[in-house]
């Protein structure tokens, strides 16, 4: 019998706990509240976000199927400062924190896999920070489009990548106003890098967008 991968071990572990379904937009954990359990995403996505002084959502991360959270609280018992909400219709298994920590102690390969994903996310966060500090609104938007394409994009046979994301979502991820995103997105479209319709944004060439981003810094 083949040995289970880390992701298979995690899925098998959480399958022993209750499965709950939430509609899109449902807040799962409020900022300042102590979580009641660790959530494992069986299907759907979870948005982690803060609220700016203007009342705008500022997205910190998007978790997809197979992720479990919030692990900062589980590992350090640090106060939770973020909101977690269903980005889409969502199904999650809910396990007690102590059970999850014990499971990780017993499975170092799961810890290694979690650290690998954590460092990938940290690399993306550092890239976002560099564009926030030194880049233009256009470069910040292009960076978010690239991150979205790598994590959630659907690549077609012709090499284009389709993103199911709205201007409001991009604004929350890039820390820009929706009006700014709309204006800058039209500039990127005129450069021939994306096409836009009501349902999606299509990146004509990820490599071309990466090259253009390099000239914007």
Protein backbone atom coordinates (compact mmCIF):
# COMPACT_ATOMS: atom_id res chain seq x y z
CA UNK A 1 0.00 0.00 0.00
CA UNK A 2 1.41 3.39 -1.04
CA UNK A 3 2.30 5.81 1.72
CA UNK A 4 -0.10 8.73 2.11
CA UNK A 5 1.06 12.19 1.09
CA UNK A 6 0.91 15.03 3.62
CA UNK A 7 -2.25 16.44 1.99
CA UNK A 8 -3.93 13.03 2.07
CA UNK A 9 -3.07 12.64 5.76
CA UNK A 10 -4.57 16.05 6.51
CA UNK A 11 -7.76 15.29 4.58
CA UNK A 12 -8.14 11.92 6.32
CA UNK A 13 -7.60 13.48 9.75
CA UNK A 14 -10.15 16.25 9.32
CA UNK A 15 -12.72 13.87 7.79
CA UNK A 16 -13.28 12.56 11.34
CA UNK A 17 -14.82 15.89 12.37
CA UNK A 18 -18.14 17.58 11.54
CA UNK A 19 -18.64 19.03 8.05
CA UNK A 20 -20.49 22.33 7.83
CA UNK A 21 -21.71 24.33 4.85
CA UNK A 22 -21.73 28.15 4.63
CA UNK A 23 -23.04 30.51 1.95
CA UNK A 24 -20.82 32.96 0.12
CA UNK A 25 -20.12 36.02 2.28
CA UNK A 26 -20.74 34.30 5.63
CA UNK A 27 -18.27 35.50 8.26
CA UNK A 28 -16.70 32.50 9.97
CA UNK A 29 -14.45 34.29 12.46
CA UNK A 30 -14.64 37.95 13.52
CA UNK A 31 -11.58 40.07 14.25
CA UNK A 32 -10.94 40.11 17.97
CA UNK A 33 -12.87 36.89 18.59
CA UNK A 34 -11.15 33.73 19.71
CA UNK A 35 -11.73 31.00 17.11
CA UNK A 36 -13.77 28.03 18.27
CA UNK A 37 -11.98 25.45 16.11
CA UNK A 38 -9.54 24.90 13.27
CA UNK A 39 -11.29 24.97 9.90
CA UNK A 40 -10.27 22.62 7.08
CA UNK A 41 -11.56 23.67 3.65
CA UNK A 42 -13.18 20.67 1.98
CA UNK A 43 -14.48 22.80 -0.91
CA UNK A 44 -14.59 26.51 -1.72
CA UNK A 45 -12.41 29.43 -0.63
CA UNK A 46 -11.98 31.52 2.53
CA UNK A 47 -11.05 35.21 2.51
CA UNK A 48 -8.87 36.60 5.33
CA UNK A 49 -9.19 40.36 5.57
CA UNK A 50 -8.94 43.49 7.67
CA UNK A 51 -11.03 46.65 7.47
CA UNK A 52 -9.31 49.96 6.73
CA UNK A 53 -10.05 53.24 8.48
CA UNK A 54 -12.20 54.12 5.44
CA UNK A 55 -14.31 51.01 5.99
CA UNK A 56 -12.87 49.15 2.99
CA UNK A 57 -12.00 45.46 3.07
CA UNK A 58 -8.25 44.84 2.74
CA UNK A 59 -7.63 41.23 1.75
CA UNK A 60 -4.64 39.60 3.44
CA UNK A 61 -4.98 36.11 1.98
CA UNK A 62 -7.26 33.74 0.13
CA UNK A 63 -7.28 30.12 1.30
CA UNK A 64 -8.37 27.39 -1.07
CA UNK A 65 -9.41 23.75 -0.81
CA UNK A 66 -7.05 21.70 1.36
CA UNK A 67 -5.96 24.59 3.60
CA UNK A 68 -6.63 24.67 7.34
CA UNK A 69 -6.77 27.79 9.49
CA UNK A 70 -6.16 29.92 11.52
CA UNK A 71 -2.81 28.31 12.30
CA UNK A 72 -1.17 31.38 13.86
CA UNK A 73 -3.72 31.15 16.67
CA UNK A 74 -3.36 27.36 16.87
CA UNK A 75 0.43 27.42 17.19
CA UNK A 76 0.97 30.57 19.27
CA UNK A 77 -2.45 31.43 20.77
CA UNK A 78 -1.90 34.96 19.45
CA UNK A 79 -4.99 37.16 19.39
CA UNK A 80 -6.85 36.90 16.11
CA UNK A 81 -6.86 40.31 14.37
CA UNK A 82 -8.59 39.36 11.12
CA UNK A 83 -11.96 38.46 9.69
CA UNK A 84 -12.36 35.13 7.90
CA UNK A 85 -15.30 34.81 5.51
CA UNK A 86 -16.57 32.45 2.84
CA UNK A 87 -15.28 33.76 -0.50
CA UNK A 88 -17.51 31.23 -2.26
CA UNK A 89 -20.04 28.66 -1.12
CA UNK A 90 -18.03 26.74 1.41
CA UNK A 91 -17.73 23.37 3.12
CA UNK A 92 -15.38 23.04 6.10
CA UNK A 93 -14.52 20.40 8.67
CA UNK A 94 -14.10 21.82 12.19
CA UNK A 95 -11.62 20.21 14.60
CA UNK A 96 -10.53 21.21 18.12
CA UNK A 97 -7.26 23.14 18.20
CA UNK A 98 -5.57 20.71 20.63
CA UNK A 99 -6.38 17.76 18.36
CA UNK A 100 -4.85 19.54 15.36
CA UNK A 101 -1.67 20.49 17.24
CA UNK A 102 -1.27 16.91 18.50
CA UNK A 103 -1.76 15.61 14.94
CA UNK A 104 0.98 17.91 13.67
CA UNK A 105 3.38 16.82 16.42
CA UNK A 106 2.87 13.25 15.29
CA UNK A 107 3.32 14.03 11.57
CA UNK A 108 6.44 16.09 10.79
CA UNK A 109 5.81 15.72 7.03
CA UNK A 110 2.56 17.65 7.51
CA UNK A 111 4.46 20.39 9.35
CA UNK A 112 7.04 20.51 6.53
CA UNK A 113 4.27 20.80 3.93
CA UNK A 114 2.61 23.59 5.95
CA UNK A 115 5.92 25.47 6.24
CA UNK A 116 6.52 25.13 2.50
CA UNK A 117 3.14 26.69 1.74
CA UNK A 118 3.74 29.34 4.40
CA UNK A 119 7.02 30.42 2.82
CA UNK A 120 5.45 30.55 -0.63
CA UNK A 121 2.78 32.80 0.80
CA UNK A 122 5.40 34.92 2.54
CA UNK A 123 7.23 35.37 -0.77
CA UNK A 124 4.03 36.68 -2.30
CA UNK A 125 3.44 38.98 0.67
CA UNK A 126 6.96 40.43 0.39
CA UNK A 127 6.45 41.01 -3.31
CA UNK A 128 3.20 42.81 -2.59
CA UNK A 129 4.98 44.93 0.03
CA UNK A 130 7.75 45.95 -2.40
CA UNK A 131 5.17 47.11 -4.94
CA UNK A 132 3.23 48.92 -2.24
CA UNK A 133 6.35 50.84 -1.17
CA UNK A 134 8.04 51.47 -4.52
CA UNK A 135 5.53 50.73 -7.28
CA UNK A 136 2.73 52.57 -9.01
CA UNK A 137 -0.95 51.73 -8.85
CA UNK A 138 -0.51 50.01 -12.22
CA UNK A 139 2.35 47.82 -11.00
CA UNK A 140 0.43 46.88 -7.86
CA UNK A 141 -2.52 45.82 -9.98
CA UNK A 142 -0.36 43.81 -12.39
CA UNK A 143 1.26 42.03 -9.45
CA UNK A 144 -2.15 41.04 -8.06
CA UNK A 145 -3.18 39.74 -11.48
CA UNK A 146 -0.06 37.57 -11.59
CA UNK A 147 -0.64 36.23 -8.06
CA UNK A 148 -4.25 35.46 -8.94
CA UNK A 149 -3.22 33.69 -12.15
CA UNK A 150 -0.71 31.48 -10.32
CA UNK A 151 -3.11 30.46 -7.58
CA UNK A 152 -6.52 30.36 -9.21
CA UNK A 153 -6.16 31.00 -12.94
CA UNK A 154 -7.53 28.60 -15.58
CA UNK A 155 -5.03 28.18 -18.42
CA UNK A 156 -6.39 27.54 -21.90
CA UNK A 157 -4.68 25.61 -24.70
CA UNK A 158 -3.65 28.89 -26.36
CA UNK A 159 -1.73 29.96 -23.23
CA UNK A 160 -4.20 32.57 -22.05
CA UNK A 161 -5.25 32.50 -18.40
CA UNK A 162 -8.81 33.25 -17.28
CA UNK A 163 -9.49 34.80 -13.87
CA UNK A 164 -12.92 34.80 -12.24
CA UNK A 165 -12.43 37.98 -10.24
CA UNK A 166 -14.16 41.35 -10.01
CA UNK A 167 -12.70 44.83 -9.92
CA UNK A 168 -13.90 45.12 -6.32
CA UNK A 169 -11.98 41.95 -5.41
CA UNK A 170 -8.82 43.24 -7.11
CA UNK A 171 -9.19 46.55 -5.26
CA UNK A 172 -9.38 44.74 -1.90
CA UNK A 173 -6.30 42.66 -2.72
CA UNK A 174 -4.18 45.54 -4.03
CA UNK A 175 -5.26 48.11 -1.44
CA UNK A 176 -6.60 50.44 -4.14
CA UNK A 177 -9.98 52.05 -4.75
CA UNK A 178 -12.31 50.38 -7.21
CA UNK A 179 -12.17 53.48 -9.41
CA UNK A 180 -8.36 53.29 -9.53
CA UNK A 181 -8.47 49.60 -10.40
CA UNK A 182 -10.95 50.26 -13.22
CA UNK A 183 -8.76 53.04 -14.64
CA UNK A 184 -5.49 51.11 -14.39
CA UNK A 185 -7.06 47.94 -15.74
CA UNK A 186 -8.01 49.83 -18.90
CA UNK A 187 -4.37 50.92 -19.29
CA UNK A 188 -3.23 47.30 -19.01
CA UNK A 189 -5.88 46.32 -21.55
CA UNK A 190 -4.62 48.96 -24.00
CA UNK A 191 -1.13 47.47 -23.61
CA UNK A 192 -2.60 44.26 -25.02
CA UNK A 193 -1.92 42.28 -21.84
CA UNK A 194 -5.50 41.53 -20.76
CA UNK A 195 -9.02 41.43 -22.11
CA UNK A 196 -12.04 42.14 -19.95
CA UNK A 197 -15.66 41.00 -19.99
CA UNK A 198 -18.42 40.86 -17.40
CA UNK A 199 -17.56 37.37 -16.23
CA UNK A 200 -13.78 37.33 -16.19
CA UNK A 201 -10.43 38.91 -16.90
CA UNK A 202 -8.25 37.05 -19.41
CA UNK A 203 -4.48 37.45 -19.30
CA UNK A 204 -3.16 37.19 -22.86
CA UNK A 205 0.33 36.19 -21.74
CA UNK A 206 1.52 35.67 -18.17
CA UNK A 207 5.11 35.99 -19.37
CA UNK A 208 4.30 39.27 -21.13
CA UNK A 209 2.65 40.61 -18.00
CA UNK A 210 5.71 39.63 -15.95
CA UNK A 211 8.01 41.43 -18.39
CA UNK A 212 5.85 44.55 -18.33
CA UNK A 213 5.76 44.50 -14.54
CA UNK A 214 9.58 44.46 -14.49
CA UNK A 215 9.67 47.75 -16.42
CA UNK A 216 7.17 49.43 -14.10
CA UNK A 217 9.38 49.33 -10.96
